Amino acid sequence: MKRSRVFAGILWIVLALGSFHLTTLSPSSLCWGAEGTGAATIEQISQHIKSRGVRMSEDKLNLVAQTVYEESLRYNVDYRLMLAVMKVESGYRQHAASPDGSRGIMQINPSLARGLAREAGIAYRGSKDLYDIRKNIRLGTHYLSKVIEIFDDIPKALFAYSVGHHKAKRLLAADRTPHTRYTKRVIAEYKKNTEKMISL
């Protein structure tokens, strides 16, 4: 009887320690800080867009904020720069369309979209997909990361984002300045964003 009680006591201690070990080392408990930061950043992005007077349903606003956060991490592009590009390109409007055919929140040109989608592994069925918030942000961030990598300079990368990287190479080789009205506006917006929002 005494022996069985001792065994039961030892078993209880082993199980309790095992349970404590699993609890403290579970992936969710190890990542709680990252999750907390993620939720706070997504909320911050959402509030930032809202503060710009953007008319968007709460669901769409959350989708934009979530996608910006995820793609920023995926491509290692500062989400505050992504937001600056969106503000200047479309004013955060999902259905924005420009005379050259560029569409959506990050203003992706249909002629560029198919190649970007192939590179990024994104299903693309045609220009209507550019009005899909998630796809547009994914394509735009992929392209932004690509031009940053090619030019290794923010003004030049933004110039390339606006005119296309092949054209930008030609123009820059001919001593064209990357400091256009467009790049100045995006950089000014980016500067404001970095003053207001935390870095990841």
N, C-alpha and C. Protein backbone atom coordinates (compact mmCIF):
# COMPACT_ATOMS: atom_id res chain seq x y z
N MET A 1 0.84 -1.20 0.00
CA MET A 1 0.00 0.00 0.00
C MET A 1 0.87 1.25 0.00
N LYS A 2 1.89 1.22 0.95
CA LYS A 2 2.79 2.36 1.05
C LYS A 2 3.59 2.50 -0.25
N ARG A 3 4.02 1.36 -0.80
CA ARG A 3 4.82 1.36 -2.02
C ARG A 3 4.01 1.92 -3.19
N SER A 4 2.74 1.55 -3.29
CA SER A 4 1.91 2.04 -4.40
C SER A 4 1.67 3.54 -4.28
N ARG A 5 1.56 4.05 -2.99
CA ARG A 5 1.39 5.49 -2.80
C ARG A 5 2.65 6.25 -3.23
N VAL A 6 3.82 5.70 -2.92
CA VAL A 6 5.09 6.32 -3.31
C VAL A 6 5.19 6.35 -4.83
N PHE A 7 4.83 5.21 -5.46
CA PHE A 7 4.88 5.14 -6.93
C PHE A 7 3.94 6.17 -7.56
N ALA A 8 2.73 6.26 -7.00
CA ALA A 8 1.74 7.23 -7.51
C ALA A 8 2.27 8.65 -7.37
N GLY A 9 2.94 8.93 -6.23
CA GLY A 9 3.51 10.26 -6.00
C GLY A 9 4.59 10.59 -7.01
N ILE A 10 5.47 9.60 -7.25
CA ILE A 10 6.56 9.81 -8.22
C ILE A 10 5.98 10.02 -9.63
N LEU A 11 4.98 9.20 -9.97
CA LEU A 11 4.34 9.31 -11.28
C LEU A 11 3.72 10.69 -11.45
N TRP A 12 3.06 11.18 -10.41
CA TRP A 12 2.43 12.51 -10.47
C TRP A 12 3.48 13.60 -10.71
N ILE A 13 4.62 13.51 -10.01
CA ILE A 13 5.70 14.50 -10.17
C ILE A 13 6.25 14.46 -11.60
N VAL A 14 6.48 13.23 -12.12
CA VAL A 14 7.01 13.08 -13.48
C VAL A 14 6.04 13.69 -14.50
N LEU A 15 4.74 13.38 -14.34
CA LEU A 15 3.74 13.93 -15.26
C LEU A 15 3.65 15.44 -15.17
N ALA A 16 3.70 15.96 -13.94
CA ALA A 16 3.61 17.41 -13.73
C ALA A 16 4.81 18.12 -14.37
N LEU A 17 6.01 17.55 -14.18
CA LEU A 17 7.21 18.15 -14.77
C LEU A 17 7.16 18.07 -16.29
N GLY A 18 6.69 16.93 -16.79
CA GLY A 18 6.56 16.76 -18.25
C GLY A 18 5.59 17.76 -18.83
N SER A 19 4.47 17.93 -18.14
CA SER A 19 3.45 18.89 -18.59
C SER A 19 4.00 20.31 -18.58
N PHE A 20 4.73 20.66 -17.51
CA PHE A 20 5.33 21.99 -17.39
C PHE A 20 6.34 22.22 -18.51
N HIS A 21 7.15 21.18 -18.79
CA HIS A 21 8.16 21.28 -19.84
C HIS A 21 7.50 21.52 -21.20
N LEU A 22 6.44 20.75 -21.49
CA LEU A 22 5.75 20.90 -22.77
C LEU A 22 5.10 22.26 -22.88
N THR A 23 4.52 22.73 -21.77
CA THR A 23 3.85 24.03 -21.80
C THR A 23 4.84 25.15 -22.04
N THR A 24 5.97 25.11 -21.33
CA THR A 24 6.92 26.21 -21.45
C THR A 24 7.69 26.18 -22.76
N LEU A 25 7.78 25.01 -23.42
CA LEU A 25 8.55 24.94 -24.64
C LEU A 25 7.70 24.78 -25.90
N SER A 26 6.40 24.95 -25.76
CA SER A 26 5.55 24.82 -26.94
C SER A 26 5.80 25.99 -27.88
N PRO A 27 5.64 25.80 -29.22
CA PRO A 27 5.89 26.88 -30.17
C PRO A 27 5.10 28.13 -29.85
N SER A 28 3.84 27.97 -29.41
CA SER A 28 3.03 29.16 -29.14
C SER A 28 3.59 29.98 -27.99
N SER A 29 4.12 29.29 -26.97
CA SER A 29 4.66 30.06 -25.84
C SER A 29 6.00 30.67 -26.19
N LEU A 30 6.77 30.02 -27.08
CA LEU A 30 8.05 30.59 -27.48
C LEU A 30 7.85 31.80 -28.38
N CYS A 31 6.74 31.83 -29.11
CA CYS A 31 6.50 32.91 -30.07
C CYS A 31 5.55 33.98 -29.55
N TRP A 32 5.18 33.93 -28.28
CA TRP A 32 4.17 34.88 -27.82
C TRP A 32 4.58 36.31 -28.05
N GLY A 33 5.89 36.61 -27.92
CA GLY A 33 6.36 37.98 -28.13
C GLY A 33 6.15 38.40 -29.57
N ALA A 34 6.47 37.50 -30.52
CA ALA A 34 6.32 37.80 -31.94
C ALA A 34 4.85 37.99 -32.29
N GLU A 35 4.00 37.12 -31.73
CA GLU A 35 2.57 37.25 -32.00
C GLU A 35 2.03 38.56 -31.46
N GLY A 36 2.47 38.91 -30.27
CA GLY A 36 2.03 40.16 -29.66
C GLY A 36 2.45 41.34 -30.50
N THR A 37 3.69 41.31 -30.99
CA THR A 37 4.21 42.38 -31.84
C THR A 37 3.42 42.42 -33.14
N GLY A 38 3.14 41.24 -33.71
CA GLY A 38 2.39 41.16 -34.97
C GLY A 38 1.02 41.77 -34.84
N ALA A 39 0.30 41.40 -33.79
CA ALA A 39 -1.06 41.92 -33.58
C ALA A 39 -1.02 43.44 -33.39
N ALA A 40 -0.04 43.92 -32.63
CA ALA A 40 0.09 45.36 -32.38
C ALA A 40 0.42 46.10 -33.67
N THR A 41 1.30 45.52 -34.49
CA THR A 41 1.68 46.17 -35.76
C THR A 41 0.51 46.20 -36.73
N ILE A 42 -0.23 45.09 -36.81
CA ILE A 42 -1.40 45.03 -37.69
C ILE A 42 -2.43 46.08 -37.27
N GLU A 43 -2.64 46.21 -35.98
CA GLU A 43 -3.57 47.22 -35.45
C GLU A 43 -3.06 48.62 -35.79
N GLN A 44 -1.76 48.82 -35.67
CA GLN A 44 -1.16 50.13 -35.95
C GLN A 44 -1.33 50.49 -37.44
N ILE A 45 -1.14 49.50 -38.32
CA ILE A 45 -1.31 49.73 -39.76
C ILE A 45 -2.77 50.10 -40.04
N SER A 46 -3.67 49.34 -39.45
CA SER A 46 -5.10 49.58 -39.63
C SER A 46 -5.49 50.99 -39.18
N GLN A 47 -5.02 51.40 -38.01
CA GLN A 47 -5.32 52.73 -37.48
C GLN A 47 -4.71 53.83 -38.35
N HIS A 48 -3.51 53.56 -38.87
CA HIS A 48 -2.83 54.54 -39.73
C HIS A 48 -3.65 54.80 -40.99
N ILE A 49 -4.11 53.72 -41.64
CA ILE A 49 -4.90 53.87 -42.86
C ILE A 49 -6.21 54.60 -42.56
N LYS A 50 -6.83 54.22 -41.45
CA LYS A 50 -8.08 54.85 -41.04
C LYS A 50 -7.89 56.35 -40.81
N SER A 51 -6.75 56.71 -40.22
CA SER A 51 -6.47 58.11 -39.90
C SER A 51 -6.28 58.96 -41.17
N ARG A 52 -6.05 58.30 -42.31
CA ARG A 52 -5.87 59.03 -43.57
C ARG A 52 -7.21 59.30 -44.24
N GLY A 53 -8.30 59.00 -43.53
CA GLY A 53 -9.64 59.28 -44.07
C GLY A 53 -10.08 58.31 -45.14
N VAL A 54 -9.49 57.12 -45.15
CA VAL A 54 -9.83 56.11 -46.17
C VAL A 54 -11.17 55.48 -45.83
N ARG A 55 -12.04 55.41 -46.82
CA ARG A 55 -13.34 54.76 -46.61
C ARG A 55 -13.22 53.31 -47.03
N MET A 56 -13.26 52.45 -46.03
CA MET A 56 -13.07 51.02 -46.28
C MET A 56 -13.76 50.26 -45.16
N SER A 57 -14.39 49.14 -45.50
CA SER A 57 -15.04 48.35 -44.45
C SER A 57 -13.98 47.82 -43.49
N GLU A 58 -14.43 47.52 -42.28
CA GLU A 58 -13.50 47.01 -41.25
C GLU A 58 -12.81 45.73 -41.72
N ASP A 59 -13.56 44.86 -42.41
CA ASP A 59 -12.99 43.60 -42.90
C ASP A 59 -11.87 43.85 -43.91
N LYS A 60 -12.12 44.78 -44.84
CA LYS A 60 -11.11 45.08 -45.87
C LYS A 60 -9.90 45.76 -45.23
N LEU A 61 -10.17 46.63 -44.29
CA LEU A 61 -9.09 47.34 -43.59
C LEU A 61 -8.18 46.33 -42.89
N ASN A 62 -8.79 45.36 -42.23
CA ASN A 62 -8.02 44.32 -41.54
C ASN A 62 -7.26 43.44 -42.53
N LEU A 63 -7.87 43.18 -43.69
CA LEU A 63 -7.21 42.38 -44.72
C LEU A 63 -5.98 43.11 -45.26
N VAL A 64 -6.12 44.41 -45.51
CA VAL A 64 -4.98 45.22 -45.98
C VAL A 64 -3.86 45.18 -44.94
N ALA A 65 -4.22 45.47 -43.68
CA ALA A 65 -3.22 45.53 -42.60
C ALA A 65 -2.51 44.19 -42.42
N GLN A 66 -3.28 43.11 -42.41
CA GLN A 66 -2.72 41.76 -42.25
C GLN A 66 -1.79 41.41 -43.40
N THR A 67 -2.22 41.72 -44.63
CA THR A 67 -1.42 41.39 -45.81
C THR A 67 -0.14 42.22 -45.86
N VAL A 68 -0.24 43.51 -45.53
CA VAL A 68 0.95 44.37 -45.50
C VAL A 68 1.96 43.80 -44.51
N TYR A 69 1.48 43.42 -43.33
CA TYR A 69 2.37 42.87 -42.30
C TYR A 69 3.05 41.58 -42.78
N GLU A 70 2.24 40.66 -43.32
CA GLU A 70 2.77 39.36 -43.76
C GLU A 70 3.78 39.50 -44.90
N GLU A 71 3.43 40.34 -45.89
CA GLU A 71 4.31 40.49 -47.06
C GLU A 71 5.58 41.26 -46.71
N SER A 72 5.47 42.17 -45.75
CA SER A 72 6.65 42.90 -45.26
C SER A 72 7.66 41.91 -44.69
N LEU A 73 7.18 40.95 -43.92
CA LEU A 73 8.06 39.93 -43.35
C LEU A 73 8.57 38.97 -44.41
N ARG A 74 7.69 38.60 -45.33
CA ARG A 74 8.06 37.63 -46.38
C ARG A 74 9.21 38.17 -47.25
N TYR A 75 9.11 39.46 -47.61
CA TYR A 75 10.09 40.04 -48.54
C TYR A 75 11.12 40.94 -47.87
N ASN A 76 11.02 41.07 -46.56
CA ASN A 76 11.95 41.93 -45.83
C ASN A 76 11.95 43.36 -46.38
N VAL A 77 10.73 43.87 -46.60
CA VAL A 77 10.54 45.24 -47.06
C VAL A 77 9.84 45.99 -45.93
N ASP A 78 10.32 47.17 -45.60
CA ASP A 78 9.74 47.96 -44.51
C ASP A 78 8.27 48.24 -44.82
N TYR A 79 7.38 47.81 -43.94
CA TYR A 79 5.95 47.99 -44.17
C TYR A 79 5.59 49.47 -44.27
N ARG A 80 6.39 50.33 -43.64
CA ARG A 80 6.12 51.77 -43.68
C ARG A 80 6.40 52.34 -45.08
N LEU A 81 7.35 51.72 -45.78
CA LEU A 81 7.61 52.09 -47.17
C LEU A 81 6.48 51.59 -48.06
N MET A 82 6.00 50.38 -47.80
CA MET A 82 4.87 49.83 -48.56
C MET A 82 3.65 50.74 -48.44
N LEU A 83 3.39 51.20 -47.23
CA LEU A 83 2.25 52.09 -47.00
C LEU A 83 2.43 53.42 -47.72
N ALA A 84 3.66 53.91 -47.77
CA ALA A 84 3.94 55.16 -48.47
C ALA A 84 3.67 55.01 -49.97
N VAL A 85 4.08 53.86 -50.53
CA VAL A 85 3.84 53.59 -51.95
C VAL A 85 2.33 53.53 -52.21
N MET A 86 1.60 52.83 -51.36
CA MET A 86 0.14 52.73 -51.51
C MET A 86 -0.54 54.08 -51.46
N LYS A 87 -0.11 54.91 -50.52
CA LYS A 87 -0.72 56.24 -50.36
C LYS A 87 -0.53 57.06 -51.61
N VAL A 88 0.69 57.09 -52.15
CA VAL A 88 0.97 57.91 -53.32
C VAL A 88 0.38 57.30 -54.59
N GLU A 89 0.46 55.99 -54.71
CA GLU A 89 -0.03 55.32 -55.92
C GLU A 89 -1.55 55.36 -56.06
N SER A 90 -2.26 55.08 -54.97
CA SER A 90 -3.72 54.91 -55.10
C SER A 90 -4.55 55.60 -54.03
N GLY A 91 -3.89 56.19 -53.03
CA GLY A 91 -4.66 56.73 -51.90
C GLY A 91 -5.36 55.62 -51.14
N TYR A 92 -4.76 54.41 -51.18
CA TYR A 92 -5.29 53.20 -50.53
C TYR A 92 -6.60 52.71 -51.15
N ARG A 93 -6.84 53.06 -52.41
CA ARG A 93 -8.10 52.66 -53.05
C ARG A 93 -7.94 51.33 -53.77
N GLN A 94 -8.77 50.39 -53.41
CA GLN A 94 -8.71 49.04 -53.99
C GLN A 94 -8.96 49.05 -55.49
N HIS A 95 -9.88 49.89 -55.96
CA HIS A 95 -10.28 49.87 -57.37
C HIS A 95 -9.67 51.02 -58.18
N ALA A 96 -8.56 51.58 -57.70
CA ALA A 96 -7.90 52.66 -58.44
C ALA A 96 -7.40 52.13 -59.79
N ALA A 97 -7.55 52.96 -60.83
CA ALA A 97 -7.04 52.60 -62.17
C ALA A 97 -6.42 53.85 -62.77
N SER A 98 -5.24 53.69 -63.36
CA SER A 98 -4.56 54.85 -63.94
C SER A 98 -4.64 54.79 -65.46
N PRO A 99 -4.37 55.91 -66.16
CA PRO A 99 -4.47 55.93 -67.63
C PRO A 99 -3.58 54.89 -68.32
N ASP A 100 -2.44 54.53 -67.68
CA ASP A 100 -1.55 53.54 -68.32
C ASP A 100 -2.00 52.10 -68.08
N GLY A 101 -3.13 51.94 -67.37
CA GLY A 101 -3.67 50.60 -67.14
C GLY A 101 -3.32 50.00 -65.80
N SER A 102 -2.45 50.64 -65.03
CA SER A 102 -2.09 50.13 -63.70
C SER A 102 -3.32 50.11 -62.81
N ARG A 103 -3.40 49.07 -61.95
CA ARG A 103 -4.63 48.88 -61.18
C ARG A 103 -4.37 48.51 -59.74
N GLY A 104 -5.36 48.83 -58.92
CA GLY A 104 -5.36 48.36 -57.53
C GLY A 104 -4.58 49.23 -56.57
N ILE A 105 -4.53 48.75 -55.35
CA ILE A 105 -3.99 49.52 -54.23
C ILE A 105 -2.50 49.86 -54.37
N MET A 106 -1.73 48.97 -55.06
CA MET A 106 -0.31 49.27 -55.29
C MET A 106 -0.03 49.54 -56.77
N GLN A 107 -1.11 49.72 -57.56
CA GLN A 107 -1.00 50.12 -58.96
C GLN A 107 -0.04 49.24 -59.77
N ILE A 108 -0.46 48.00 -59.98
CA ILE A 108 0.32 47.05 -60.76
C ILE A 108 -0.14 47.09 -62.22
N ASN A 109 0.81 47.17 -63.14
CA ASN A 109 0.47 47.19 -64.56
C ASN A 109 0.22 45.75 -65.03
N PRO A 110 -0.88 45.53 -65.75
CA PRO A 110 -1.19 44.16 -66.21
C PRO A 110 -0.06 43.53 -67.03
N SER A 111 0.68 44.34 -67.81
CA SER A 111 1.75 43.79 -68.64
C SER A 111 2.91 43.26 -67.78
N LEU A 112 3.02 43.77 -66.57
CA LEU A 112 4.08 43.34 -65.65
C LEU A 112 3.58 42.21 -64.72
N ALA A 113 2.28 42.22 -64.47
CA ALA A 113 1.69 41.34 -63.45
C ALA A 113 1.92 39.86 -63.69
N ARG A 114 1.78 39.42 -64.94
CA ARG A 114 1.89 37.98 -65.21
C ARG A 114 3.28 37.46 -64.85
N GLY A 115 4.32 38.19 -65.26
CA GLY A 115 5.70 37.79 -64.94
C GLY A 115 5.95 37.82 -63.44
N LEU A 116 5.44 38.85 -62.77
CA LEU A 116 5.61 38.94 -61.31
C LEU A 116 4.93 37.78 -60.61
N ALA A 117 3.71 37.46 -61.07
CA ALA A 117 2.96 36.36 -60.46
C ALA A 117 3.71 35.04 -60.61
N ARG A 118 4.29 34.84 -61.79
CA ARG A 118 5.06 33.61 -62.04
C ARG A 118 6.26 33.55 -61.10
N GLU A 119 6.99 34.66 -60.99
CA GLU A 119 8.17 34.72 -60.10
C GLU A 119 7.80 34.46 -58.64
N ALA A 120 6.67 35.04 -58.23
CA ALA A 120 6.28 34.98 -56.82
C ALA A 120 5.43 33.76 -56.47
N GLY A 121 5.05 32.97 -57.49
CA GLY A 121 4.22 31.79 -57.24
C GLY A 121 2.80 32.15 -56.83
N ILE A 122 2.26 33.21 -57.45
CA ILE A 122 0.91 33.68 -57.14
C ILE A 122 0.00 33.33 -58.32
N ALA A 123 -1.13 32.70 -58.03
CA ALA A 123 -2.08 32.36 -59.09
C ALA A 123 -2.61 33.66 -59.69
N TYR A 124 -2.56 33.78 -61.01
CA TYR A 124 -2.99 35.02 -61.68
C TYR A 124 -3.80 34.65 -62.91
N ARG A 125 -5.06 35.13 -62.95
CA ARG A 125 -5.96 34.78 -64.05
C ARG A 125 -6.25 35.94 -65.00
N GLY A 126 -5.60 37.06 -64.77
CA GLY A 126 -5.85 38.21 -65.64
C GLY A 126 -5.97 39.50 -64.84
N SER A 127 -6.14 40.61 -65.56
CA SER A 127 -6.08 41.93 -64.94
C SER A 127 -7.13 42.17 -63.85
N LYS A 128 -8.24 41.43 -63.89
CA LYS A 128 -9.25 41.59 -62.83
C LYS A 128 -8.67 41.21 -61.46
N ASP A 129 -7.71 40.30 -61.46
CA ASP A 129 -7.07 39.88 -60.21
C ASP A 129 -6.34 41.04 -59.52
N LEU A 130 -6.02 42.07 -60.27
CA LEU A 130 -5.29 43.21 -59.70
C LEU A 130 -6.16 44.04 -58.76
N TYR A 131 -7.47 43.79 -58.80
CA TYR A 131 -8.37 44.46 -57.84
C TYR A 131 -8.55 43.64 -56.57
N ASP A 132 -7.95 42.46 -56.56
CA ASP A 132 -7.95 41.61 -55.36
C ASP A 132 -6.88 42.19 -54.41
N ILE A 133 -7.32 42.67 -53.26
CA ILE A 133 -6.42 43.37 -52.32
C ILE A 133 -5.18 42.52 -52.01
N ARG A 134 -5.42 41.28 -51.65
CA ARG A 134 -4.32 40.41 -51.22
C ARG A 134 -3.31 40.18 -52.35
N LYS A 135 -3.82 39.85 -53.54
CA LYS A 135 -2.92 39.59 -54.67
C LYS A 135 -2.17 40.85 -55.07
N ASN A 136 -2.87 41.98 -55.07
CA ASN A 136 -2.23 43.23 -55.47
C ASN A 136 -1.08 43.59 -54.54
N ILE A 137 -1.31 43.46 -53.24
CA ILE A 137 -0.26 43.78 -52.27
C ILE A 137 0.90 42.79 -52.39
N ARG A 138 0.57 41.52 -52.60
CA ARG A 138 1.63 40.51 -52.74
C ARG A 138 2.49 40.80 -53.97
N LEU A 139 1.84 41.11 -55.10
CA LEU A 139 2.57 41.41 -56.33
C LEU A 139 3.39 42.70 -56.18
N GLY A 140 2.77 43.72 -55.58
CA GLY A 140 3.44 45.01 -55.39
C GLY A 140 4.65 44.89 -54.48
N THR A 141 4.52 44.13 -53.42
CA THR A 141 5.65 43.98 -52.49
C THR A 141 6.75 43.15 -53.12
N HIS A 142 6.36 42.14 -53.88
CA HIS A 142 7.37 41.34 -54.60
C HIS A 142 8.16 42.25 -55.54
N TYR A 143 7.46 43.12 -56.27
CA TYR A 143 8.14 44.00 -57.22
C TYR A 143 9.00 45.04 -56.49
N LEU A 144 8.48 45.57 -55.40
CA LEU A 144 9.24 46.55 -54.61
C LEU A 144 10.53 45.93 -54.09
N SER A 145 10.45 44.69 -53.60
CA SER A 145 11.65 44.01 -53.09
C SER A 145 12.64 43.76 -54.23
N LYS A 146 12.11 43.46 -55.41
CA LYS A 146 12.95 43.19 -56.58
C LYS A 146 13.74 44.44 -57.00
N VAL A 147 13.04 45.59 -57.08
CA VAL A 147 13.74 46.81 -57.51
C VAL A 147 14.70 47.33 -56.44
N ILE A 148 14.37 47.08 -55.17
CA ILE A 148 15.30 47.45 -54.09
C ILE A 148 16.58 46.63 -54.22
N GLU A 149 16.41 45.35 -54.53
CA GLU A 149 17.57 44.47 -54.69
C GLU A 149 18.41 44.85 -55.92
N ILE A 150 17.74 45.20 -57.01
CA ILE A 150 18.45 45.56 -58.24
C ILE A 150 19.23 46.86 -58.08
N PHE A 151 18.58 47.88 -57.52
CA PHE A 151 19.18 49.22 -57.50
C PHE A 151 19.90 49.57 -56.19
N ASP A 152 19.57 48.83 -55.12
CA ASP A 152 20.23 49.03 -53.83
C ASP A 152 20.23 50.50 -53.39
N ASP A 153 19.12 51.18 -53.65
CA ASP A 153 18.99 52.60 -53.34
C ASP A 153 17.50 52.93 -53.39
N ILE A 154 16.98 53.50 -52.31
CA ILE A 154 15.52 53.72 -52.23
C ILE A 154 15.00 54.66 -53.32
N PRO A 155 15.58 55.86 -53.54
CA PRO A 155 15.05 56.71 -54.62
C PRO A 155 15.07 56.02 -55.99
N LYS A 156 16.16 55.32 -56.30
CA LYS A 156 16.26 54.63 -57.60
C LYS A 156 15.25 53.49 -57.68
N ALA A 157 15.07 52.77 -56.56
CA ALA A 157 14.11 51.66 -56.53
C ALA A 157 12.69 52.18 -56.74
N LEU A 158 12.37 53.30 -56.10
CA LEU A 158 11.03 53.89 -56.25
C LEU A 158 10.82 54.40 -57.67
N PHE A 159 11.87 54.99 -58.24
CA PHE A 159 11.82 55.45 -59.63
C PHE A 159 11.52 54.25 -60.54
N ALA A 160 12.21 53.13 -60.29
CA ALA A 160 12.00 51.91 -61.08
C ALA A 160 10.59 51.36 -60.86
N TYR A 161 10.09 51.46 -59.65
CA TYR A 161 8.73 50.97 -59.36
C TYR A 161 7.72 51.75 -60.21
N SER A 162 7.97 53.04 -60.39
CA SER A 162 7.00 53.87 -61.11
C SER A 162 7.11 53.77 -62.63
N VAL A 163 8.34 53.55 -63.16
CA VAL A 163 8.49 53.52 -64.63
C VAL A 163 8.81 52.13 -65.18
N GLY A 164 9.10 51.18 -64.29
CA GLY A 164 9.52 49.84 -64.71
C GLY A 164 11.03 49.74 -64.63
N HIS A 165 11.53 48.59 -64.20
CA HIS A 165 12.97 48.48 -63.93
C HIS A 165 13.84 48.52 -65.19
N HIS A 166 13.34 48.02 -66.32
CA HIS A 166 14.13 48.07 -67.56
C HIS A 166 14.28 49.52 -68.03
N LYS A 167 13.16 50.23 -68.03
CA LYS A 167 13.20 51.64 -68.45
C LYS A 167 14.05 52.46 -67.48
N ALA A 168 13.93 52.17 -66.19
CA ALA A 168 14.71 52.90 -65.18
C ALA A 168 16.20 52.72 -65.42
N LYS A 169 16.62 51.51 -65.75
CA LYS A 169 18.04 51.26 -66.02
C LYS A 169 18.53 52.12 -67.18
N ARG A 170 17.72 52.19 -68.24
CA ARG A 170 18.10 53.00 -69.41
C ARG A 170 18.19 54.49 -69.05
N LEU A 171 17.17 54.97 -68.35
CA LEU A 171 17.12 56.39 -68.00
C LEU A 171 18.24 56.78 -67.04
N LEU A 172 18.49 55.92 -66.06
CA LEU A 172 19.56 56.22 -65.09
C LEU A 172 20.93 56.17 -65.76
N ALA A 173 21.09 55.27 -66.73
CA ALA A 173 22.35 55.19 -67.48
C ALA A 173 22.57 56.45 -68.31
N ALA A 174 21.46 57.11 -68.68
CA ALA A 174 21.54 58.36 -69.45
C ALA A 174 21.53 59.58 -68.52
N ASP A 175 21.90 59.35 -67.26
CA ASP A 175 21.99 60.43 -66.25
C ASP A 175 20.66 61.08 -65.89
N ARG A 176 19.58 60.35 -66.04
CA ARG A 176 18.28 60.86 -65.58
C ARG A 176 18.24 60.75 -64.07
N THR A 177 17.78 61.81 -63.40
CA THR A 177 17.72 61.77 -61.93
C THR A 177 16.55 60.90 -61.46
N PRO A 178 16.78 60.12 -60.41
CA PRO A 178 15.66 59.33 -59.86
C PRO A 178 14.76 60.19 -58.94
N HIS A 179 15.20 61.42 -58.68
CA HIS A 179 14.46 62.29 -57.75
C HIS A 179 13.34 63.03 -58.47
N THR A 180 12.33 62.27 -58.84
CA THR A 180 11.17 62.83 -59.53
C THR A 180 10.13 63.29 -58.50
N ARG A 181 9.09 63.93 -58.99
CA ARG A 181 8.00 64.35 -58.10
C ARG A 181 7.43 63.12 -57.37
N TYR A 182 7.30 62.02 -58.10
CA TYR A 182 6.77 60.79 -57.51
C TYR A 182 7.66 60.28 -56.38
N THR A 183 8.95 60.12 -56.65
CA THR A 183 9.84 59.55 -55.62
C THR A 183 9.92 60.48 -54.41
N LYS A 184 9.91 61.79 -54.64
CA LYS A 184 9.94 62.74 -53.52
C LYS A 184 8.70 62.61 -52.64
N ARG A 185 7.55 62.43 -53.28
CA ARG A 185 6.30 62.27 -52.52
C ARG A 185 6.31 60.99 -51.69
N VAL A 186 6.78 59.88 -52.30
CA VAL A 186 6.82 58.61 -51.56
C VAL A 186 7.80 58.71 -50.39
N ILE A 187 8.97 59.29 -50.63
CA ILE A 187 9.97 59.41 -49.57
C ILE A 187 9.47 60.32 -48.44
N ALA A 188 8.77 61.39 -48.78
CA ALA A 188 8.20 62.29 -47.75
C ALA A 188 7.18 61.53 -46.92
N GLU A 189 6.35 60.73 -47.58
CA GLU A 189 5.34 59.93 -46.88
C GLU A 189 6.00 58.87 -46.00
N TYR A 190 7.04 58.25 -46.54
CA TYR A 190 7.80 57.23 -45.80
C TYR A 190 8.41 57.83 -44.53
N LYS A 191 8.96 59.03 -44.67
CA LYS A 191 9.57 59.71 -43.53
C LYS A 191 8.52 59.95 -42.43
N LYS A 192 7.34 60.39 -42.84
CA LYS A 192 6.24 60.60 -41.87
C LYS A 192 5.90 59.29 -41.17
N ASN A 193 5.83 58.21 -41.95
CA ASN A 193 5.48 56.90 -41.41
C ASN A 193 6.52 56.41 -40.39
N THR A 194 7.80 56.65 -40.70
CA THR A 194 8.85 56.18 -39.78
C THR A 194 8.84 56.97 -38.46
N GLU A 195 8.33 58.20 -38.53
CA GLU A 195 8.23 59.01 -37.30
C GLU A 195 7.06 58.55 -36.42
N LYS A 196 6.03 57.99 -37.05
CA LYS A 196 4.82 57.61 -36.33
C LYS A 196 4.76 56.15 -35.92
N MET A 197 5.39 55.29 -36.73
CA MET A 197 5.22 53.85 -36.53
C MET A 197 6.52 53.13 -36.25
N ILE A 198 6.42 52.08 -35.43
CA ILE A 198 7.60 51.33 -35.02
C ILE A 198 8.18 50.50 -36.15
N SER A 199 9.48 50.26 -36.09
CA SER A 199 10.14 49.36 -37.03
C SER A 199 9.91 47.93 -36.57
N LEU A 200 9.83 47.00 -37.53
CA LEU A 200 9.67 45.57 -37.16
C LEU A 200 11.02 45.00 -36.82
